[in-house]
PDB file of N, CA and C in Angstrom:
ATOM      1  N   UNK A   1      -4.590 -10.210  -4.990  1.00  0.00           N
ATOM      2  CA  UNK A   1      -5.497  -9.593  -3.306  1.00  0.00           C
ATOM      3  C   UNK A   1      -6.815 -10.858  -4.355  1.00  0.00           C
ATOM      4  N   UNK A   2      -7.220 -11.433  -2.683  1.00  0.00           N
ATOM      5  CA  UNK A   2      -8.377 -12.207  -3.075  1.00  0.00           C
ATOM      6  C   UNK A   2      -9.225 -12.146  -2.844  1.00  0.00           C
ATOM      7  N   UNK A   3     -10.644 -12.612  -4.146  1.00  0.00           N
ATOM      8  CA  UNK A   3     -11.604 -11.988  -4.242  1.00  0.00           C
ATOM      9  C   UNK A   3     -12.647 -13.472  -3.623  1.00  0.00           C
ATOM     10  N   UNK A   4     -13.563 -12.374  -2.924  1.00  0.00           N
ATOM     11  CA  UNK A   4     -14.064 -13.563  -1.900  1.00  0.00           C
ATOM     12  C   UNK A   4     -16.073 -12.438  -1.767  1.00  0.00           C
ATOM     13  N   UNK A   5     -16.578 -13.000  -0.509  1.00  0.00           N
ATOM     14  CA  UNK A   5     -17.618 -12.881  -0.182  1.00  0.00           C
ATOM     15  C   UNK A   5     -17.226 -12.887   1.206  1.00  0.00           C
ATOM     16  N   UNK A   6     -16.982 -11.391   2.026  1.00  0.00           N
ATOM     17  CA  UNK A   6     -17.087 -10.817   2.952  1.00  0.00           C
ATOM     18  C   UNK A   6     -18.330 -10.649   3.888  1.00  0.00           C
ATOM     19  N   UNK A   7     -19.032 -10.261   3.060  1.00  0.00           N
ATOM     20  CA  UNK A   7     -19.900  -9.693   4.399  1.00  0.00           C
ATOM     21  C   UNK A   7     -21.901 -10.685   3.146  1.00  0.00           C
ATOM     22  N   UNK A   8     -22.769 -10.696   3.375  1.00  0.00           N
ATOM     23  CA  UNK A   8     -23.793 -11.650   3.360  1.00  0.00           C
ATOM     24  C   UNK A   8     -24.219 -10.733   1.723  1.00  0.00           C
ATOM     25  N   UNK A   9     -23.492  -9.244   2.414  1.00  0.00           N
ATOM     26  CA  UNK A   9     -24.824  -8.055   1.060  1.00  0.00           C
ATOM     27  C   UNK A   9     -23.659  -7.767  -0.053  1.00  0.00           C
ATOM     28  N   UNK A  10     -22.628  -8.394   0.066  1.00  0.00           N
ATOM     29  CA  UNK A  10     -21.003  -8.800  -0.469  1.00  0.00           C
ATOM     30  C   UNK A  10     -21.362  -9.425  -2.151  1.00  0.00           C
ATOM     31  N   UNK A  11     -22.233  -8.733  -2.681  1.00  0.00           N
ATOM     32  CA  UNK A  11     -22.307  -9.358  -4.135  1.00  0.00           C
ATOM     33  C   UNK A  11     -22.074  -8.591  -5.191  1.00  0.00           C
ATOM     34  N   UNK A  12     -21.911  -7.508  -5.463  1.00  0.00           N
ATOM     35  CA  UNK A  12     -21.334  -6.811  -6.372  1.00  0.00           C
ATOM     36  C   UNK A  12     -20.042  -6.876  -7.088  1.00  0.00           C
ATOM     37  N   UNK A  13     -20.579  -7.593  -8.409  1.00  0.00           N
ATOM     38  CA  UNK A  13     -19.181  -8.477  -8.869  1.00  0.00           C
ATOM     39  C   UNK A  13     -18.592  -7.435  -9.933  1.00  0.00           C
ATOM     40  N   UNK A  14     -18.970  -6.921 -10.292  1.00  0.00           N
ATOM     41  CA  UNK A  14     -18.140  -5.444 -11.462  1.00  0.00           C
ATOM     42  C   UNK A  14     -17.601  -4.744 -10.011  1.00  0.00           C
ATOM     43  N   UNK A  15     -18.097  -4.349  -8.505  1.00  0.00           N
ATOM     44  CA  UNK A  15     -17.028  -3.729  -8.115  1.00  0.00           C
ATOM     45  C   UNK A  15     -16.155  -4.586  -7.669  1.00  0.00           C
ATOM     46  N   UNK A  16     -15.979  -5.721  -7.228  1.00  0.00           N
ATOM     47  CA  UNK A  16     -15.382  -6.824  -6.984  1.00  0.00           C
ATOM     48  C   UNK A  16     -13.968  -6.791  -7.444  1.00  0.00           C
ATOM     49  N   UNK A  17     -14.427  -6.992  -9.313  1.00  0.00           N
ATOM     50  CA  UNK A  17     -13.524  -6.976 -10.445  1.00  0.00           C
ATOM     51  C   UNK A  17     -13.192  -5.187 -10.482  1.00  0.00           C
ATOM     52  N   UNK A  18     -13.883  -4.074 -10.366  1.00  0.00           N
ATOM     53  CA  UNK A  18     -12.656  -3.237 -10.705  1.00  0.00           C
ATOM     54  C   UNK A  18     -11.789  -3.164  -9.441  1.00  0.00           C
ATOM     55  N   UNK A  19     -11.786  -3.436  -7.963  1.00  0.00           N
ATOM     56  CA  UNK A  19     -11.147  -3.177  -6.869  1.00  0.00           C
ATOM     57  C   UNK A  19     -10.226  -4.758  -7.365  1.00  0.00           C
ATOM     58  N   UNK A  20      -9.945  -5.250  -7.692  1.00  0.00           N
ATOM     59  CA  UNK A  20      -9.111  -6.548  -8.225  1.00  0.00           C
ATOM     60  C   UNK A  20      -8.098  -6.038  -9.074  1.00  0.00           C
ATOM     61  N   UNK A  21      -8.487  -5.351 -10.245  1.00  0.00           N
ATOM     62  CA  UNK A  21      -7.922  -5.055 -10.943  1.00  0.00           C
ATOM     63  C   UNK A  21      -7.065  -3.920 -10.972  1.00  0.00           C
ATOM     64  N   UNK A  22      -7.239  -2.989  -9.167  1.00  0.00           N
ATOM     65  CA  UNK A  22      -6.751  -2.047  -9.825  1.00  0.00           C
ATOM     66  C   UNK A  22      -5.961  -1.991  -8.447  1.00  0.00           C
ATOM     67  N   UNK A  23      -5.810  -3.121  -7.770  1.00  0.00           N
ATOM     68  CA  UNK A  23      -5.204  -3.406  -6.162  1.00  0.00           C
ATOM     69  C   UNK A  23      -3.633  -2.786  -6.676  1.00  0.00           C
ATOM     70  N   UNK A  24      -2.849  -3.528  -7.229  1.00  0.00           N
ATOM     71  CA  UNK A  24      -1.714  -3.329  -7.542  1.00  0.00           C
ATOM     72  C   UNK A  24      -1.207  -1.930  -7.872  1.00  0.00           C
ATOM     73  N   UNK A  25      -2.241  -1.366  -8.799  1.00  0.00           N
ATOM     74  CA  UNK A  25      -1.620   0.169  -8.759  1.00  0.00           C
ATOM     75  C   UNK A  25      -1.619   0.799  -7.632  1.00  0.00           C
ATOM     76  N   UNK A  26      -2.923   0.687  -7.232  1.00  0.00           N
ATOM     77  CA  UNK A  26      -3.921   1.815  -6.081  1.00  0.00           C
ATOM     78  C   UNK A  26      -2.159   0.744  -4.275  1.00  0.00           C
ATOM     79  N   UNK A  27      -2.197   0.633  -4.404  1.00  0.00           N
ATOM     80  CA  UNK A  27      -1.170  -0.234  -3.075  1.00  0.00           C
ATOM     81  C   UNK A  27       0.812   0.591  -3.875  1.00  0.00           C
ATOM     82  N   UNK A  28       0.340   0.042  -4.842  1.00  0.00           N
ATOM     83  CA  UNK A  28       1.847   1.085  -5.429  1.00  0.00           C
ATOM     84  C   UNK A  28       1.932   2.834  -5.265  1.00  0.00           C
ATOM     85  N   UNK A  29       0.891   3.271  -5.658  1.00  0.00           N
ATOM     86  CA  UNK A  29       0.581   4.597  -5.355  1.00  0.00           C
ATOM     87  C   UNK A  29       0.431   5.512  -3.796  1.00  0.00           C
ATOM     88  N   UNK A  30      -0.067   4.676  -3.091  1.00  0.00           N
ATOM     89  CA  UNK A  30       0.041   4.596  -1.153  1.00  0.00           C
ATOM     90  C   UNK A  30       1.113   3.956  -1.121  1.00  0.00           C
ATOM     91  N   UNK A  31       1.627   3.102  -1.197  1.00  0.00           N
ATOM     92  CA  UNK A  31       3.481   3.082  -0.850  1.00  0.00           C
ATOM     93  C   UNK A  31       4.405   4.486  -1.197  1.00  0.00           C
ATOM     94  N   UNK A  32       4.319   4.513  -2.167  1.00  0.00           N
ATOM     95  CA  UNK A  32       4.820   6.128  -3.180  1.00  0.00           C
ATOM     96  C   UNK A  32       4.364   7.244  -2.600  1.00  0.00           C
ATOM     97  N   UNK A  33       3.204   7.585  -1.962  1.00  0.00           N
ATOM     98  CA  UNK A  33       2.958   9.038  -1.698  1.00  0.00           C
ATOM     99  C   UNK A  33       3.352   8.827   0.135  1.00  0.00           C
ATOM    100  N   UNK A  34       3.440   7.689   0.397  1.00  0.00           N
ATOM    101  CA  UNK A  34       3.889   8.161   2.103  1.00  0.00           C
ATOM    102  C   UNK A  34       4.998   7.859   2.012  1.00  0.00           C
ATOM    103  N   UNK A  35       6.132   7.065   1.058  1.00  0.00           N
ATOM    104  CA  UNK A  35       7.352   7.009   1.081  1.00  0.00           C
ATOM    105  C   UNK A  35       7.473   8.191   0.734  1.00  0.00           C
ATOM    106  N   UNK A  36       7.341   9.334  -0.022  1.00  0.00           N
ATOM    107  CA  UNK A  36       7.652  10.106  -0.366  1.00  0.00           C
ATOM    108  C   UNK A  36       7.226  11.398   0.601  1.00  0.00           C
ATOM    109  N   UNK A  37       6.272  11.515   0.817  1.00  0.00           N
ATOM    110  CA  UNK A  37       5.571  12.580   2.441  1.00  0.00           C
ATOM    111  C   UNK A  37       6.864  12.314   2.950  1.00  0.00           C
ATOM    112  N   UNK A  38       7.037  11.250   4.051  1.00  0.00           N
ATOM    113  CA  UNK A  38       7.887  11.453   5.264  1.00  0.00           C
ATOM    114  C   UNK A  38       9.214  11.677   4.613  1.00  0.00           C
ATOM    115  N   UNK A  39      10.206  10.989   3.492  1.00  0.00           N
ATOM    116  CA  UNK A  39      11.635  11.919   3.052  1.00  0.00           C
ATOM    117  C   UNK A  39      11.600  13.382   2.752  1.00  0.00           C
ATOM    118  N   UNK A  40       9.860  13.988   2.420  1.00  0.00           N
ATOM    119  CA  UNK A  40      10.379  15.478   2.480  1.00  0.00           C
ATOM    120  C   UNK A  40       9.678  15.859   4.197  1.00  0.00           C
ATOM    121  N   UNK A  41       9.490  15.387   4.686  1.00  0.00           N
ATOM    122  CA  UNK A  41       9.593  15.806   6.071  1.00  0.00           C
ATOM    123  C   UNK A  41      11.353  15.326   6.654  1.00  0.00           C
ATOM    124  N   UNK A  42      11.957  14.613   6.764  1.00  0.00           N
ATOM    125  CA  UNK A  42      12.996  14.565   7.050  1.00  0.00           C
ATOM    126  C   UNK A  42      13.487  15.718   5.856  1.00  0.00           C
ATOM    127  N   UNK A  43      13.646  15.878   5.261  1.00  0.00           N
ATOM    128  CA  UNK A  43      14.500  16.404   4.736  1.00  0.00           C
ATOM    129  C   UNK A  43      13.608  18.427   5.041  1.00  0.00           C
ATOM    130  N   UNK A  44      13.104  18.341   5.270  1.00  0.00           N
ATOM    131  CA  UNK A  44      12.575  19.722   5.773  1.00  0.00           C
ATOM    132  C   UNK A  44      13.000  19.617   7.366  1.00  0.00           C
ATOM    133  N   UNK A  45      12.959  18.595   8.316  1.00  0.00           N
ATOM    134  CA  UNK A  45      13.205  19.097   9.105  1.00  0.00           C
ATOM    135  C   UNK A  45      14.831  18.482   9.329  1.00  0.00           C
ATOM    136  N   UNK A  46      14.936  18.425   7.989  1.00  0.00           N
ATOM    137  CA  UNK A  46      16.613  18.251   8.420  1.00  0.00           C
ATOM    138  C   UNK A  46      17.698  17.129   9.398  1.00  0.00           C
ATOM    139  N   UNK A  47      16.440  15.644   8.949  1.00  0.00           N
ATOM    140  CA  UNK A  47      17.137  14.568   9.884  1.00  0.00           C
ATOM    141  C   UNK A  47      17.260  13.658   9.160  1.00  0.00           C
ATOM    142  N   UNK A  48      18.180  12.587   9.135  1.00  0.00           N
ATOM    143  CA  UNK A  48      18.621  11.340   8.169  1.00  0.00           C
ATOM    144  C   UNK A  48      18.083  10.463   9.423  1.00  0.00           C
ATOM    145  N   UNK A  49      17.092  10.028   9.457  1.00  0.00           N
ATOM    146  CA  UNK A  49      16.397   8.681  10.221  1.00  0.00           C
ATOM    147  C   UNK A  49      16.682   7.048   9.438  1.00  0.00           C
ATOM    148  N   UNK A  50      16.679   6.252  10.151  1.00  0.00           N
ATOM    149  CA  UNK A  50      16.861   4.894  10.006  1.00  0.00           C
ATOM    150  C   UNK A  50      16.234   4.437   9.085  1.00  0.00           C
ATOM    151  N   UNK A  51      14.762   4.741   8.956  1.00  0.00           N
ATOM    152  CA  UNK A  51      13.924   4.368   8.581  1.00  0.00           C
ATOM    153  C   UNK A  51      14.193   5.938   6.766  1.00  0.00           C
ATOM    154  N   UNK A  52      14.539   6.781   6.751  1.00  0.00           N
ATOM    155  CA  UNK A  52      14.817   7.034   5.599  1.00  0.00           C
ATOM    156  C   UNK A  52      16.239   6.434   5.256  1.00  0.00           C
ATOM    157  N   UNK A  53      16.934   5.807   5.832  1.00  0.00           N
ATOM    158  CA  UNK A  53      17.666   5.593   4.949  1.00  0.00           C
ATOM    159  C   UNK A  53      17.482   4.228   4.556  1.00  0.00           C
ATOM    160  N   UNK A  54      16.430   3.583   4.303  1.00  0.00           N
ATOM    161  CA  UNK A  54      16.063   1.929   4.089  1.00  0.00           C
ATOM    162  C   UNK A  54      15.211   2.647   3.020  1.00  0.00           C
ATOM    163  N   UNK A  55      14.149   4.018   3.377  1.00  0.00           N
ATOM    164  CA  UNK A  55      13.694   4.675   2.137  1.00  0.00           C
ATOM    165  C   UNK A  55      13.956   5.049   0.763  1.00  0.00           C
ATOM    166  N   UNK A  56      15.578   5.421   1.123  1.00  0.00           N
ATOM    167  CA  UNK A  56      16.074   6.150   0.068  1.00  0.00           C
ATOM    168  C   UNK A  56      16.274   5.492  -1.413  1.00  0.00           C
ATOM    169  N   UNK A  57      16.539   4.428  -1.345  1.00  0.00           N
ATOM    170  CA  UNK A  57      17.082   3.200  -2.330  1.00  0.00           C
ATOM    171  C   UNK A  57      15.587   2.516  -2.767  1.00  0.00           C
ATOM    172  N   UNK A  58      14.762   2.230  -1.842  1.00  0.00           N
ATOM    173  CA  UNK A  58      13.400   1.327  -2.166  1.00  0.00           C
ATOM    174  C   UNK A  58      12.208   2.209  -2.985  1.00  0.00           C
ATOM    175  N   UNK A  59      12.264   1.362  -4.304  1.00  0.00           N
ATOM    176  CA  UNK A  59      10.769   2.425  -5.188  1.00  0.00           C
ATOM    177  C   UNK A  59       9.914   1.047  -5.134  1.00  0.00           C
ATOM    178  N   UNK A  60       9.920  -0.006  -4.289  1.00  0.00           N
ATOM    179  CA  UNK A  60       8.221  -0.723  -4.227  1.00  0.00           C
ATOM    180  C   UNK A  60       8.169  -1.081  -2.963  1.00  0.00           C
ATOM    181  N   UNK A  61       7.754  -2.117  -2.085  1.00  0.00           N
ATOM    182  CA  UNK A  61       7.497  -3.289  -1.733  1.00  0.00           C
ATOM    183  C   UNK A  61       6.929  -4.507  -1.959  1.00  0.00           C
ATOM    184  N   UNK A  62       6.755  -5.620  -1.312  1.00  0.00           N
ATOM    185  CA  UNK A  62       5.680  -6.660  -1.324  1.00  0.00           C
ATOM    186  C   UNK A  62       5.148  -7.175  -0.576  1.00  0.00           C
ATOM    187  N   UNK A  63       3.752  -6.490  -1.527  1.00  0.00           N
ATOM    188  CA  UNK A  63       2.308  -6.387  -0.707  1.00  0.00           C
ATOM    189  C   UNK A  63       1.567  -7.496  -0.648  1.00  0.00           C
ATOM    190  N   UNK A  64       2.707  -9.128  -0.404  1.00  0.00           N
ATOM    191  CA  UNK A  64       2.538  -9.785   0.157  1.00  0.00           C
ATOM    192  C   UNK A  64       2.153  -9.519   1.571  1.00  0.00           C
ATOM    193  N   UNK A  65       3.163  -8.921   1.985  1.00  0.00           N
ATOM    194  CA  UNK A  65       3.954  -8.589   3.650  1.00  0.00           C
ATOM    195  C   UNK A  65       2.070  -8.095   4.532  1.00  0.00           C
ATOM    196  N   UNK A  66       1.088  -7.856   3.031  1.00  0.00           N
ATOM    197  CA  UNK A  66       0.282  -7.025   4.124  1.00  0.00           C
ATOM    198  C   UNK A  66      -1.210  -8.409   4.145  1.00  0.00           C
ATOM    199  N   UNK A  67      -0.663  -9.339   3.298  1.00  0.00           N
ATOM    200  CA  UNK A  67      -1.883  -9.678   3.669  1.00  0.00           C
ATOM    201  C   UNK A  67      -2.494 -10.959   5.049  1.00  0.00           C
ATOM    202  N   UNK A  68      -2.075 -10.845   5.555  1.00  0.00           N
ATOM    203  CA  UNK A  68      -2.428 -11.270   7.177  1.00  0.00           C
ATOM    204  C   UNK A  68      -3.232 -10.217   7.557  1.00  0.00           C
ATOM    205  N   UNK A  69      -3.087  -8.536   7.378  1.00  0.00           N
ATOM    206  CA  UNK A  69      -3.738  -8.038   8.175  1.00  0.00           C
ATOM    207  C   UNK A  69      -5.666  -8.059   7.566  1.00  0.00           C
ATOM    208  N   UNK A  70      -5.514  -8.753   5.703  1.00  0.00           N
ATOM    209  CA  UNK A  70      -6.399  -8.821   5.478  1.00  0.00           C
ATOM    210  C   UNK A  70      -7.655 -10.462   5.955  1.00  0.00           C
ATOM    211  N   UNK A  71      -6.923 -11.123   6.284  1.00  0.00           N
ATOM    212  CA  UNK A  71      -7.224 -11.939   7.194  1.00  0.00           C
ATOM    213  C   UNK A  71      -7.885 -12.039   8.705  1.00  0.00           C
ATOM    214  N   UNK A  72      -7.279 -11.088   9.091  1.00  0.00           N
ATOM    215  CA  UNK A  72      -7.012 -11.142  10.770  1.00  0.00           C
ATOM    216  C   UNK A  72      -8.740 -10.560  10.741  1.00  0.00           C
TER     217      UNK A  72
END
């Protein structure tokens, strides 16, 4: 995660450090929660989608694929 100034009043260094420290853990939690909810829904609906097949073996993803959205 990049630590910088996006807004003129974006000067809370403590908050930035907390966000930087927790970034990896939180991205992992968001991924896990989303993956599990999707797979649970597929199981409930008794369907196996192409995405579900790809998600079953996944335990993590490369968070760098999201960096472009931060810079947009």
